Protein backbone atom coordinates (compact mmCIF):
# COMPACT_ATOMS: atom_id res chain seq x y z
CA MET A 1 5.56 2.82 -62.52
CA ILE A 2 4.30 5.25 -64.92
CA LYS A 3 0.95 4.64 -65.87
CA ARG A 4 1.23 2.79 -68.75
CA GLN A 5 2.73 0.04 -67.16
CA ILE A 6 0.54 -0.03 -64.47
CA ALA A 7 -2.29 -0.56 -66.54
CA ILE A 8 -0.84 -4.38 -68.50
CA ALA A 9 0.78 -5.31 -64.60
CA SER A 10 -2.83 -4.87 -63.82
CA GLY A 11 -4.97 -6.26 -67.02
CA VAL A 12 -2.29 -8.93 -66.93
CA SER A 13 -2.43 -9.16 -63.00
CA LEU A 14 -5.90 -9.84 -63.06
CA ILE A 15 -6.48 -12.37 -66.80
CA LEU A 16 -3.76 -14.19 -65.11
CA MET A 17 -5.74 -14.56 -62.18
CA ALA A 18 -9.08 -14.95 -63.74
CA ILE A 19 -6.49 -18.32 -65.27
CA VAL A 20 -5.51 -19.59 -62.25
CA ALA A 21 -8.98 -19.34 -60.84
CA GLY A 22 -10.62 -21.52 -63.92
CA PHE A 23 -8.11 -24.81 -62.67
CA SER A 24 -8.10 -23.88 -58.86
CA VAL A 25 -12.07 -23.32 -58.16
CA GLY A 26 -13.80 -23.49 -61.40
CA TYR A 27 -11.93 -26.84 -61.71
CA ALA A 28 -10.06 -28.66 -59.22
CA TYR A 29 -12.55 -27.18 -56.05
CA SER A 30 -15.68 -28.60 -58.17
CA GLU A 31 -13.26 -32.32 -58.67
CA PHE A 32 -13.69 -32.92 -54.25
CA TYR A 33 -15.85 -30.55 -52.60
CA ARG A 34 -18.94 -33.11 -53.74
CA PRO A 35 -21.76 -32.44 -50.89
CA GLU A 36 -23.74 -35.45 -52.41
CA GLN A 37 -21.30 -37.90 -51.78
CA LEU A 38 -19.67 -37.74 -48.72
CA GLU A 39 -18.20 -41.27 -47.81
CA LEU A 40 -16.26 -40.35 -51.41
CA LEU A 41 -14.24 -37.13 -49.75
CA LYS A 42 -11.66 -38.22 -47.86
CA ASP A 43 -10.50 -40.69 -50.62
CA ASN A 44 -10.93 -38.33 -53.02
CA ILE A 45 -8.21 -36.24 -51.20
CA LEU A 46 -6.35 -39.34 -50.46
CA GLN A 47 -6.41 -40.09 -54.60
CA ASN A 48 -5.19 -37.38 -55.89
CA GLN A 49 -2.97 -35.41 -53.68
CA GLY A 50 -1.16 -33.78 -56.31
CA LEU A 51 -4.16 -31.75 -57.72
CA TYR A 52 -5.11 -31.48 -53.79
CA GLN A 53 -1.38 -29.43 -52.85
CA ASN A 54 -1.40 -27.40 -57.11
CA MET A 55 -4.82 -26.81 -56.17
CA LEU A 56 -3.88 -24.45 -52.73
CA ILE A 57 -0.50 -23.28 -55.22
CA GLY A 58 -2.94 -21.66 -57.31
CA ILE A 59 -5.31 -20.08 -54.36
CA LEU A 60 -2.03 -18.38 -53.19
CA ILE A 61 -1.00 -17.30 -56.25
CA ILE A 62 -4.40 -15.56 -56.68
CA ILE A 63 -4.24 -14.39 -53.17
CA ILE A 64 -0.87 -12.61 -53.81
CA LEU A 65 -2.59 -11.56 -57.30
CA ASP A 66 -4.56 -9.68 -56.11
CA LEU A 67 -2.55 -8.47 -53.17
CA LEU A 68 -0.67 -6.45 -56.68
CA VAL A 69 -4.04 -5.88 -58.25
CA SER A 70 -5.23 -4.03 -54.52
CA TYR A 71 -2.26 -1.43 -55.59
CA THR A 72 -1.98 -1.33 -59.31
CA LEU A 73 -5.40 -0.42 -60.64
CA TYR A 74 -5.52 2.16 -56.48
CA LYS A 75 -2.50 3.69 -58.30
CA PHE A 76 -3.75 4.20 -62.11
CA PHE A 77 -7.76 5.43 -60.96
CA GLU A 78 -5.57 7.47 -57.88
CA ASN A 79 -5.61 10.59 -60.92
CA ASP A 80 -9.35 10.46 -61.02
CA ASN A 81 -10.27 10.30 -57.53
CA LYS A 82 -8.12 8.70 -55.33
CA ARG A 83 -9.60 8.81 -52.45
CA MET A 84 -12.27 6.52 -53.87
CA SER A 85 -9.19 5.09 -54.94
CA ILE A 86 -7.92 4.60 -51.97
CA ILE A 87 -11.33 3.44 -49.88
CA SER A 88 -11.45 0.63 -53.33
CA GLY A 89 -7.31 -0.74 -52.56
CA VAL A 90 -8.43 -1.72 -48.63
CA ILE A 91 -11.79 -2.94 -49.35
CA ARG A 92 -10.12 -5.76 -51.79
CA VAL A 93 -7.47 -5.59 -49.57
CA ILE A 94 -10.01 -6.76 -46.69
CA TYR A 95 -11.67 -9.33 -49.52
CA THR A 96 -7.53 -10.64 -49.53
CA VAL A 97 -7.82 -10.94 -46.51
CA ILE A 98 -11.04 -13.10 -45.71
CA PHE A 99 -9.51 -15.59 -48.07
CA GLY A 100 -6.68 -15.79 -47.41
CA ILE A 101 -8.09 -17.31 -43.91
CA ALA A 102 -11.01 -19.01 -45.84
CA THR A 103 -8.36 -20.56 -48.03
CA TYR A 104 -7.06 -22.08 -44.42
CA HIS A 105 -9.95 -24.65 -43.91
CA LEU A 106 -8.64 -26.33 -46.44
CA THR A 107 -4.92 -26.18 -45.74
CA LYS A 108 -6.63 -28.25 -42.78
CA ASN A 109 -7.87 -31.09 -45.74
CA LEU A 110 -4.02 -32.37 -46.12
CA ASN A 111 -4.25 -34.36 -43.21
CA ALA A 112 -7.14 -36.23 -44.96
CA SER A 113 -5.65 -39.43 -43.71
CA ASP A 114 -6.66 -38.54 -40.34
CA LEU A 115 -9.74 -37.32 -40.44
CA SER A 116 -13.12 -37.84 -40.61
CA ASN A 117 -15.94 -37.26 -43.81
CA GLU A 118 -18.38 -35.37 -41.53
CA VAL A 119 -14.66 -33.19 -40.43
CA ILE A 120 -13.18 -33.00 -44.31
CA ASN A 121 -16.61 -32.15 -45.73
CA SER A 122 -17.80 -28.71 -42.77
CA ASN A 123 -14.06 -28.23 -43.24
CA PHE A 124 -15.18 -27.37 -47.27
CA GLU A 125 -17.91 -26.14 -45.69
CA GLN A 126 -15.92 -22.74 -43.56
CA PHE A 127 -13.61 -22.42 -46.79
CA GLN A 128 -16.73 -21.86 -48.61
CA LEU A 129 -19.30 -19.38 -45.92
CA ILE A 130 -15.86 -17.12 -45.67
CA TRP A 131 -14.86 -16.53 -48.67
CA TYR A 132 -18.84 -16.34 -49.81
CA SER A 133 -19.23 -13.58 -46.89
CA GLY A 134 -15.50 -11.84 -48.45
CA LEU A 135 -16.84 -12.00 -52.11
CA VAL A 136 -20.61 -10.20 -50.48
CA VAL A 137 -17.28 -7.28 -49.27
CA PHE A 138 -16.06 -7.77 -52.86
CA GLY A 139 -18.39 -6.41 -54.89
CA PHE A 140 -18.80 -2.90 -53.16
CA HIS A 141 -14.75 -3.14 -54.76
CA ILE A 142 -16.30 -3.78 -58.08
CA ILE A 143 -19.32 -0.88 -57.95
CA LEU A 144 -16.16 1.77 -56.79
CA ILE A 145 -13.91 -0.11 -59.92
CA GLY A 146 -16.34 0.85 -62.00
CA VAL A 147 -17.39 4.61 -60.34
CA LEU A 148 -13.68 4.54 -61.27
CA MET A 149 -13.97 3.63 -64.27
CA LYS A 150 -16.83 5.87 -65.32
CA LEU A 151 -14.71 8.38 -64.01
CA HIS A 152 -11.63 8.17 -66.18
CA GLN A 153 -13.48 8.71 -69.05
CA LYS A 154 -11.87 6.81 -71.97
CA ILE A 155 -13.24 3.71 -70.63
CA PRO A 156 -15.88 2.91 -73.49
CA LYS A 157 -19.05 3.28 -71.11
CA ILE A 158 -20.15 -0.63 -71.84
CA LEU A 159 -17.13 -1.69 -69.60
CA TRP A 160 -17.78 0.36 -66.89
CA TYR A 161 -21.65 -0.87 -66.92
CA ILE A 162 -20.88 -4.47 -66.75
CA THR A 163 -18.35 -3.51 -64.42
CA LEU A 164 -21.60 -1.86 -62.18
CA ILE A 165 -23.74 -4.25 -63.07
CA ALA A 166 -20.95 -7.14 -61.73
CA GLY A 167 -20.39 -5.66 -58.87
CA VAL A 168 -24.31 -5.54 -57.70
CA SER A 169 -24.79 -9.08 -59.13
CA TYR A 170 -21.58 -10.17 -57.02
CA ILE A 171 -23.01 -9.00 -53.42
CA LEU A 172 -26.28 -9.68 -54.38
CA VAL A 173 -25.55 -13.45 -55.04
CA HIS A 174 -23.70 -14.52 -52.82
CA ALA A 175 -25.79 -12.67 -49.92
CA LEU A 176 -28.24 -15.14 -51.08
CA LYS A 177 -26.34 -17.85 -50.89
CA LEU A 178 -25.72 -17.31 -47.50
CA THR A 179 -29.43 -17.08 -46.09
CA SER A 180 -30.59 -19.81 -48.69
CA PRO A 181 -27.27 -21.79 -49.91
CA ASN A 182 -30.07 -24.84 -50.84
CA SER A 183 -32.37 -22.61 -52.58
CA GLU A 184 -33.25 -22.88 -56.58
CA PHE A 185 -33.95 -19.66 -57.10
CA VAL A 186 -30.67 -18.73 -56.12
CA SER A 187 -29.03 -21.71 -58.55
CA THR A 188 -30.94 -20.35 -61.00
CA LEU A 189 -29.70 -16.69 -60.04
CA THR A 190 -25.89 -17.59 -60.16
CA MET A 191 -26.47 -18.87 -63.11
CA ILE A 192 -27.66 -15.37 -64.99
CA LEU A 193 -25.49 -13.32 -63.39
CA ALA A 194 -22.39 -15.52 -64.53
CA LEU A 195 -21.62 -13.92 -67.38
CA PRO A 196 -21.47 -10.01 -65.84
CA MET A 197 -19.83 -11.48 -62.71
CA ALA A 198 -17.69 -12.94 -65.52
CA ILE A 199 -16.87 -10.92 -67.74
CA GLY A 200 -16.46 -7.62 -65.48
CA GLU A 201 -12.55 -7.41 -64.53
CA LEU A 202 -11.43 -9.41 -68.54
CA GLY A 203 -13.28 -6.62 -69.42
CA LEU A 204 -11.22 -3.74 -67.77
CA ALA A 205 -8.40 -6.19 -67.78
CA LEU A 206 -8.58 -6.14 -72.08
CA TRP A 207 -8.98 -2.22 -72.01
CA LEU A 208 -6.44 -2.00 -69.09
CA ILE A 209 -3.42 -4.01 -71.69
CA VAL A 210 -5.08 -2.55 -75.17
CA LYS A 211 -5.08 1.14 -74.62
CA GLY A 212 -4.76 1.91 -70.83
CA GLY A 213 -2.67 4.84 -70.24
CA LYS A 214 -1.54 5.30 -73.42
CA ALA A 215 -2.66 9.20 -73.41
CA GLU A 216 -0.62 9.40 -71.20
CA LEU A 217 2.94 7.85 -71.94
CA SER A 218 3.20 9.68 -75.35
CA ASN A 219 3.15 13.05 -73.18
């Protein structure tokens, strides 16, 4: 693929991923996992099997897109620093594998009729524990992407600043969630850093779609 096609593929994939994640993780998951209502977990899944299955399909789409982006971002930035691009791509693949392992615990709840609320809750907790660990790894990928954005020299400074902040935020927030999951400080910090974490990759995605690779295309 030429640089412009790689840029568009990366940007579109990142935006699609954000949309699907908004549904699967942002909306559907929160509909099912309510630890303060342990007695309702089983009934919620049994009464909304279609939504639960669609949530898992959405997560599968996210995993596929993550693997695609691991490759396309590597290809886009390889001329800026090939070794760093490879490391960044490998780290994202590692994160994606961890996310896939976490998701396995969600698939166990498809047989909710045979499970107790305690077991269902344990599966949800295992998903979050493994996923949060993966997001710490993901933070290092985002930091490297921020550095590569700086090295690219055509990406606005504000975008790679935000991306670097997002990477540090991912590591800090999810490391704290692993060690102090019920802390009010962690909850407050998560809300404060939610914006840079959300717009870190989205800013890059929009730039890639609008301007990414255009100089190379014109040569």
